[in-house]
Each structure stands twice: as C-alpha cells, then as structure tokens.
Amino acid sequence: RFCYGHRLLAYDGKCRHLHGHNGR
C-alpha cells in the first residue's frame, strides 16, 4: 500500500486536476 498524487494531461474528466489516491 502507498499514497500518491497525480493528474492526467489532455484528459477531459476529473482526473485532469491534481488529486491523490491510497493505492494498493
């Protein structure tokens, strides 16, 4: 488990903004 932030460039949705996840 780890925590990270990201965003997707050239994406037309919420993930175009900086945001974070608790990933597994």
PDB file of all heavy atoms in Angstrom:
ATOM      1  N   ARG A   1       0.841  -1.199   0.000  1.00  0.00           N
ATOM      2  CA  ARG A   1       0.000   0.000   0.000  1.00  0.00           C
ATOM      3  C   ARG A   1       0.877   1.250   0.000  1.00  0.00           C
ATOM      4  O   ARG A   1       1.912   1.283   0.665  1.00  0.00           O
ATOM      5  CB  ARG A   1      -0.915   0.001   1.222  1.00  0.00           C
ATOM      6  CG  ARG A   1      -1.924  -1.129   1.194  1.00  0.00           C
ATOM      7  CD  ARG A   1      -2.727  -1.211   2.483  1.00  0.00           C
ATOM      8  NE  ARG A   1      -3.620  -2.344   2.446  1.00  0.00           N
ATOM      9  CZ  ARG A   1      -4.928  -2.267   2.245  1.00  0.00           C
ATOM     10  NH1 ARG A   1      -5.491  -1.091   2.077  1.00  0.00           N
ATOM     11  NH2 ARG A   1      -5.663  -3.363   2.219  1.00  0.00           N
ATOM     12  N   PHE A   2       0.426   2.244  -0.739  1.00  0.00           N
ATOM     13  CA  PHE A   2       1.140   3.514  -0.765  1.00  0.00           C
ATOM     14  C   PHE A   2       0.185   4.618  -1.201  1.00  0.00           C
ATOM     15  O   PHE A   2      -0.871   4.359  -1.776  1.00  0.00           O
ATOM     16  CB  PHE A   2       2.371   3.453  -1.673  1.00  0.00           C
ATOM     17  CG  PHE A   2       2.076   3.237  -3.136  1.00  0.00           C
ATOM     18  CD1 PHE A   2       2.216   4.273  -4.050  1.00  0.00           C
ATOM     19  CD2 PHE A   2       1.688   1.998  -3.618  1.00  0.00           C
ATOM     20  CE1 PHE A   2       1.954   4.086  -5.397  1.00  0.00           C
ATOM     21  CE2 PHE A   2       1.431   1.795  -4.968  1.00  0.00           C
ATOM     22  CZ  PHE A   2       1.556   2.837  -5.863  1.00  0.00           C
ATOM     23  N   CYS A   3       0.553   5.841  -0.897  1.00  0.00           N
ATOM     24  CA  CYS A   3      -0.247   7.014  -1.252  1.00  0.00           C
ATOM     25  C   CYS A   3       0.497   7.797  -2.324  1.00  0.00           C
ATOM     26  O   CYS A   3       1.713   7.935  -2.265  1.00  0.00           O
ATOM     27  CB  CYS A   3      -0.463   7.899  -0.031  1.00  0.00           C
ATOM     28  SG  CYS A   3      -1.322   7.067   1.309  1.00  0.00           S
ATOM     29  N   TYR A   4      -0.267   8.295  -3.286  1.00  0.00           N
ATOM     30  CA  TYR A   4       0.358   9.081  -4.349  1.00  0.00           C
ATOM     31  C   TYR A   4      -0.653  10.069  -4.906  1.00  0.00           C
ATOM     32  O   TYR A   4      -1.859   9.917  -4.764  1.00  0.00           O
ATOM     33  CB  TYR A   4       0.899   8.181  -5.469  1.00  0.00           C
ATOM     34  CG  TYR A   4      -0.166   7.451  -6.254  1.00  0.00           C
ATOM     35  CD1 TYR A   4      -0.637   7.958  -7.463  1.00  0.00           C
ATOM     36  CD2 TYR A   4      -0.710   6.257  -5.794  1.00  0.00           C
ATOM     37  CE1 TYR A   4      -1.613   7.293  -8.185  1.00  0.00           C
ATOM     38  CE2 TYR A   4      -1.679   5.585  -6.509  1.00  0.00           C
ATOM     39  CZ  TYR A   4      -2.131   6.113  -7.701  1.00  0.00           C
ATOM     40  OH  TYR A   4      -3.108   5.452  -8.420  1.00  0.00           O
ATOM     41  N   GLY A   5      -0.113  11.094  -5.541  1.00  0.00           N
ATOM     42  CA  GLY A   5      -0.932  12.052  -6.246  1.00  0.00           C
ATOM     43  C   GLY A   5      -0.568  12.014  -7.718  1.00  0.00           C
ATOM     44  O   GLY A   5       0.521  11.567  -8.085  1.00  0.00           O
ATOM     45  N   HIS A   6      -1.483  12.470  -8.555  1.00  0.00           N
ATOM     46  CA  HIS A   6      -1.199  12.535  -9.985  1.00  0.00           C
ATOM     47  C   HIS A   6      -2.256  13.388 -10.671  1.00  0.00           C
ATOM     48  O   HIS A   6      -3.187  13.883 -10.035  1.00  0.00           O
ATOM     49  CB  HIS A   6      -1.131  11.135 -10.608  1.00  0.00           C
ATOM     50  CG  HIS A   6      -2.433  10.423 -10.753  1.00  0.00           C
ATOM     51  ND1 HIS A   6      -2.662   9.478 -11.716  1.00  0.00           N
ATOM     52  CD2 HIS A   6      -3.597  10.509 -10.054  1.00  0.00           C
ATOM     53  CE1 HIS A   6      -3.896   9.014 -11.613  1.00  0.00           C
ATOM     54  NE2 HIS A   6      -4.477   9.614 -10.600  1.00  0.00           N
ATOM     55  N   ARG A   7      -2.099  13.553 -11.953  1.00  0.00           N
ATOM     56  CA  ARG A   7      -3.141  14.091 -12.821  1.00  0.00           C
ATOM     57  C   ARG A   7      -2.817  13.634 -14.231  1.00  0.00           C
ATOM     58  O   ARG A   7      -1.682  13.238 -14.540  1.00  0.00           O
ATOM     59  CB  ARG A   7      -3.242  15.600 -12.721  1.00  0.00           C
ATOM     60  CG  ARG A   7      -2.151  16.370 -13.435  1.00  0.00           C
ATOM     61  CD  ARG A   7      -2.534  17.821 -13.467  1.00  0.00           C
ATOM     62  NE  ARG A   7      -1.480  18.649 -14.044  1.00  0.00           N
ATOM     63  CZ  ARG A   7      -1.610  19.943 -14.173  1.00  0.00           C
ATOM     64  NH1 ARG A   7      -2.713  20.548 -13.766  1.00  0.00           N
ATOM     65  NH2 ARG A   7      -0.634  20.661 -14.697  1.00  0.00           N
ATOM     66  N   LEU A   8      -3.837  13.667 -15.078  1.00  0.00           N
ATOM     67  CA  LEU A   8      -3.682  13.214 -16.459  1.00  0.00           C
ATOM     68  C   LEU A   8      -3.791  14.405 -17.399  1.00  0.00           C
ATOM     69  O   LEU A   8      -4.795  15.130 -17.372  1.00  0.00           O
ATOM     70  CB  LEU A   8      -4.752  12.166 -16.800  1.00  0.00           C
ATOM     71  CG  LEU A   8      -4.826  10.971 -15.854  1.00  0.00           C
ATOM     72  CD1 LEU A   8      -5.918  10.013 -16.292  1.00  0.00           C
ATOM     73  CD2 LEU A   8      -3.481  10.268 -15.753  1.00  0.00           C
ATOM     74  N   LEU A   9      -2.760  14.594 -18.191  1.00  0.00           N
ATOM     75  CA  LEU A   9      -2.763  15.680 -19.170  1.00  0.00           C
ATOM     76  C   LEU A   9      -3.594  15.277 -20.389  1.00  0.00           C
ATOM     77  O   LEU A   9      -3.665  14.092 -20.738  1.00  0.00           O
ATOM     78  CB  LEU A   9      -1.334  16.003 -19.591  1.00  0.00           C
ATOM     79  CG  LEU A   9      -0.398  16.510 -18.495  1.00  0.00           C
ATOM     80  CD1 LEU A   9       0.981  16.800 -19.064  1.00  0.00           C
ATOM     81  CD2 LEU A   9      -0.967  17.738 -17.799  1.00  0.00           C
ATOM     82  N   ALA A  10      -4.206  16.266 -21.020  1.00  0.00           N
ATOM     83  CA  ALA A  10      -5.018  16.064 -22.225  1.00  0.00           C
ATOM     84  C   ALA A  10      -6.183  15.114 -21.964  1.00  0.00           C
ATOM     85  O   ALA A  10      -6.595  14.361 -22.840  1.00  0.00           O
ATOM     86  CB  ALA A  10      -4.157  15.563 -23.390  1.00  0.00           C
ATOM     87  N   TYR A  11      -6.708  15.139 -20.754  1.00  0.00           N
ATOM     88  CA  TYR A  11      -7.816  14.274 -20.357  1.00  0.00           C
ATOM     89  C   TYR A  11      -9.018  15.156 -20.032  1.00  0.00           C
ATOM     90  O   TYR A  11      -8.888  16.145 -19.304  1.00  0.00           O
ATOM     91  CB  TYR A  11      -7.408  13.452 -19.132  1.00  0.00           C
ATOM     92  CG  TYR A  11      -8.481  12.525 -18.617  1.00  0.00           C
ATOM     93  CD1 TYR A  11      -8.784  11.342 -19.280  1.00  0.00           C
ATOM     94  CD2 TYR A  11      -9.191  12.838 -17.462  1.00  0.00           C
ATOM     95  CE1 TYR A  11      -9.766  10.494 -18.809  1.00  0.00           C
ATOM     96  CE2 TYR A  11     -10.175  11.992 -16.981  1.00  0.00           C
ATOM     97  CZ  TYR A  11     -10.460  10.824 -17.662  1.00  0.00           C
ATOM     98  OH  TYR A  11     -11.433   9.984 -17.185  1.00  0.00           O
ATOM     99  N   ASP A  12     -10.178  14.802 -20.545  1.00  0.00           N
ATOM    100  CA  ASP A  12     -11.374  15.606 -20.321  1.00  0.00           C
ATOM    101  C   ASP A  12     -12.247  14.952 -19.255  1.00  0.00           C
ATOM    102  O   ASP A  12     -13.269  14.356 -19.545  1.00  0.00           O
ATOM    103  CB  ASP A  12     -12.160  15.764 -21.628  1.00  0.00           C
ATOM    104  CG  ASP A  12     -13.307  16.740 -21.488  1.00  0.00           C
ATOM    105  OD1 ASP A  12     -13.224  17.635 -20.621  1.00  0.00           O
ATOM    106  OD2 ASP A  12     -14.297  16.596 -22.230  1.00  0.00           O
ATOM    107  N   GLY A  13     -11.801  15.043 -18.023  1.00  0.00           N
ATOM    108  CA  GLY A  13     -12.539  14.473 -16.896  1.00  0.00           C
ATOM    109  C   GLY A  13     -11.923  14.969 -15.606  1.00  0.00           C
ATOM    110  O   GLY A  13     -10.976  15.759 -15.602  1.00  0.00           O
ATOM    111  N   LYS A  14     -12.447  14.472 -14.479  1.00  0.00           N
ATOM    112  CA  LYS A  14     -11.968  14.934 -13.171  1.00  0.00           C
ATOM    113  C   LYS A  14     -10.478  14.704 -12.972  1.00  0.00           C
ATOM    114  O   LYS A  14      -9.816  15.481 -12.280  1.00  0.00           O
ATOM    115  CB  LYS A  14     -12.728  14.211 -12.052  1.00  0.00           C
ATOM    116  CG  LYS A  14     -14.163  14.625 -11.892  1.00  0.00           C
ATOM    117  CD  LYS A  14     -14.794  13.867 -10.736  1.00  0.00           C
ATOM    118  CE  LYS A  14     -16.226  14.248 -10.524  1.00  0.00           C
ATOM    119  NZ  LYS A  14     -16.814  13.512  -9.390  1.00  0.00           N
ATOM    120  N   CYS A  15      -9.939  13.657 -13.547  1.00  0.00           N
ATOM    121  CA  CYS A  15      -8.526  13.316 -13.319  1.00  0.00           C
ATOM    122  C   CYS A  15      -7.551  14.261 -14.016  1.00  0.00           C
ATOM    123  O   CYS A  15      -6.343  14.082 -13.922  1.00  0.00           O
ATOM    124  CB  CYS A  15      -8.258  11.870 -13.721  1.00  0.00           C
ATOM    125  SG  CYS A  15      -9.062  10.686 -12.622  1.00  0.00           S
ATOM    126  N   ARG A  16      -8.067  15.288 -14.678  1.00  0.00           N
ATOM    127  CA  ARG A  16      -7.165  16.303 -15.251  1.00  0.00           C
ATOM    128  C   ARG A  16      -6.632  17.231 -14.170  1.00  0.00           C
ATOM    129  O   ARG A  16      -5.690  17.973 -14.374  1.00  0.00           O
ATOM    130  CB  ARG A  16      -7.860  17.077 -16.359  1.00  0.00           C
ATOM    131  CG  ARG A  16      -8.917  18.044 -15.883  1.00  0.00           C
ATOM    132  CD  ARG A  16      -9.573  18.777 -17.072  1.00  0.00           C
ATOM    133  NE  ARG A  16     -10.607  19.670 -16.634  1.00  0.00           N
ATOM    134  CZ  ARG A  16     -11.894  19.355 -16.551  1.00  0.00           C
ATOM    135  NH1 ARG A  16     -12.291  18.143 -16.879  1.00  0.00           N
ATOM    136  NH2 ARG A  16     -12.778  20.239 -16.137  1.00  0.00           N
ATOM    137  N   HIS A  17      -7.273  17.185 -12.988  1.00  0.00           N
ATOM    138  CA  HIS A  17      -6.857  18.010 -11.854  1.00  0.00           C
ATOM    139  C   HIS A  17      -5.938  17.209 -10.930  1.00  0.00           C
ATOM    140  O   HIS A  17      -6.064  15.991 -10.813  1.00  0.00           O
ATOM    141  CB  HIS A  17      -8.080  18.478 -11.053  1.00  0.00           C
ATOM    142  CG  HIS A  17      -9.063  19.235 -11.881  1.00  0.00           C
ATOM    143  ND1 HIS A  17      -8.797  20.485 -12.397  1.00  0.00           N
ATOM    144  CD2 HIS A  17     -10.313  18.905 -12.294  1.00  0.00           C
ATOM    145  CE1 HIS A  17      -9.845  20.902 -13.085  1.00  0.00           C
ATOM    146  NE2 HIS A  17     -10.780  19.965 -13.043  1.00  0.00           N
ATOM    147  N   LEU A  18      -5.049  17.908 -10.241  1.00  0.00           N
ATOM    148  CA  LEU A  18      -4.197  17.249  -9.249  1.00  0.00           C
ATOM    149  C   LEU A  18      -5.089  16.638  -8.170  1.00  0.00           C
ATOM    150  O   LEU A  18      -6.006  17.294  -7.672  1.00  0.00           O
ATOM    151  CB  LEU A  18      -3.240  18.262  -8.612  1.00  0.00           C
ATOM    152  CG  LEU A  18      -2.177  18.861  -9.530  1.00  0.00           C
ATOM    153  CD1 LEU A  18      -1.445  19.984  -8.801  1.00  0.00           C
ATOM    154  CD2 LEU A  18      -1.209  17.805 -10.013  1.00  0.00           C
ATOM    155  N   HIS A  19      -4.823  15.374  -7.846  1.00  0.00           N
ATOM    156  CA  HIS A  19      -5.598  14.668  -6.824  1.00  0.00           C
ATOM    157  C   HIS A  19      -4.784  13.487  -6.325  1.00  0.00           C
ATOM    158  O   HIS A  19      -3.737  13.165  -6.882  1.00  0.00           O
ATOM    159  CB  HIS A  19      -6.959  14.210  -7.372  1.00  0.00           C
ATOM    160  CG  HIS A  19      -6.856  13.195  -8.460  1.00  0.00           C
ATOM    161  ND1 HIS A  19      -6.487  13.521  -9.757  1.00  0.00           N
ATOM    162  CD2 HIS A  19      -7.051  11.857  -8.442  1.00  0.00           C
ATOM    163  CE1 HIS A  19      -6.473  12.417 -10.492  1.00  0.00           C
ATOM    164  NE2 HIS A  19      -6.811  11.391  -9.717  1.00  0.00           N
ATOM    165  N   GLY A  20      -5.260  12.839  -5.287  1.00  0.00           N
ATOM    166  CA  GLY A  20      -4.493  11.752  -4.692  1.00  0.00           C
ATOM    167  C   GLY A  20      -5.272  10.460  -4.552  1.00  0.00           C
ATOM    168  O   GLY A  20      -6.498  10.433  -4.663  1.00  0.00           O
ATOM    169  N   HIS A  21      -4.518   9.388  -4.303  1.00  0.00           N
ATOM    170  CA  HIS A  21      -5.088   8.048  -4.136  1.00  0.00           C
ATOM    171  C   HIS A  21      -4.366   7.310  -3.018  1.00  0.00           C
ATOM    172  O   HIS A  21      -3.175   7.531  -2.782  1.00  0.00           O
ATOM    173  CB  HIS A  21      -4.924   7.211  -5.411  1.00  0.00           C
ATOM    174  CG  HIS A  21      -5.714   7.704  -6.565  1.00  0.00           C
ATOM    175  ND1 HIS A  21      -7.066   7.497  -6.686  1.00  0.00           N
ATOM    176  CD2 HIS A  21      -5.332   8.399  -7.666  1.00  0.00           C
ATOM    177  CE1 HIS A  21      -7.493   8.039  -7.815  1.00  0.00           C
ATOM    178  NE2 HIS A  21      -6.461   8.608  -8.427  1.00  0.00           N
ATOM    179  N   ASN A  22      -5.090   6.421  -2.374  1.00  0.00           N
ATOM    180  CA  ASN A  22      -4.498   5.415  -1.497  1.00  0.00           C
ATOM    181  C   ASN A  22      -4.422   4.145  -2.331  1.00  0.00           C
ATOM    182  O   ASN A  22      -5.406   3.414  -2.453  1.00  0.00           O
ATOM    183  CB  ASN A  22      -5.362   5.193  -0.249  1.00  0.00           C
ATOM    184  CG  ASN A  22      -5.386   6.417   0.634  1.00  0.00           C
ATOM    185  OD1 ASN A  22      -4.357   7.033   0.875  1.00  0.00           O
ATOM    186  ND2 ASN A  22      -6.549   6.785   1.108  1.00  0.00           N
ATOM    187  N   GLY A  23      -3.279   3.925  -2.934  1.00  0.00           N
ATOM    188  CA  GLY A  23      -3.125   2.824  -3.877  1.00  0.00           C
ATOM    189  C   GLY A  23      -2.690   1.525  -3.221  1.00  0.00           C
ATOM    190  O   GLY A  23      -2.131   1.522  -2.123  1.00  0.00           O
ATOM    191  N   ARG A  24      -2.977   0.434  -3.919  1.00  0.00           N
ATOM    192  CA  ARG A  24      -2.533  -0.895  -3.495  1.00  0.00           C
ATOM    193  C   ARG A  24      -1.936  -1.593  -4.706  1.00  0.00           C
ATOM    194  O   ARG A  24      -2.635  -1.839  -5.692  1.00  0.00           O
ATOM    195  CB  ARG A  24      -3.703  -1.731  -2.959  1.00  0.00           C
ATOM    196  CG  ARG A  24      -4.295  -1.189  -1.697  1.00  0.00           C
ATOM    197  CD  ARG A  24      -5.399  -2.095  -1.151  1.00  0.00           C
ATOM    198  NE  ARG A  24      -6.550  -2.109  -2.052  1.00  0.00           N
ATOM    199  CZ  ARG A  24      -7.176  -3.204  -2.453  1.00  0.00           C
ATOM    200  NH1 ARG A  24      -6.789  -4.398  -2.051  1.00  0.00           N
ATOM    201  NH2 ARG A  24      -8.223  -3.124  -3.252  1.00  0.00           N
TER     202      ARG A  24
END
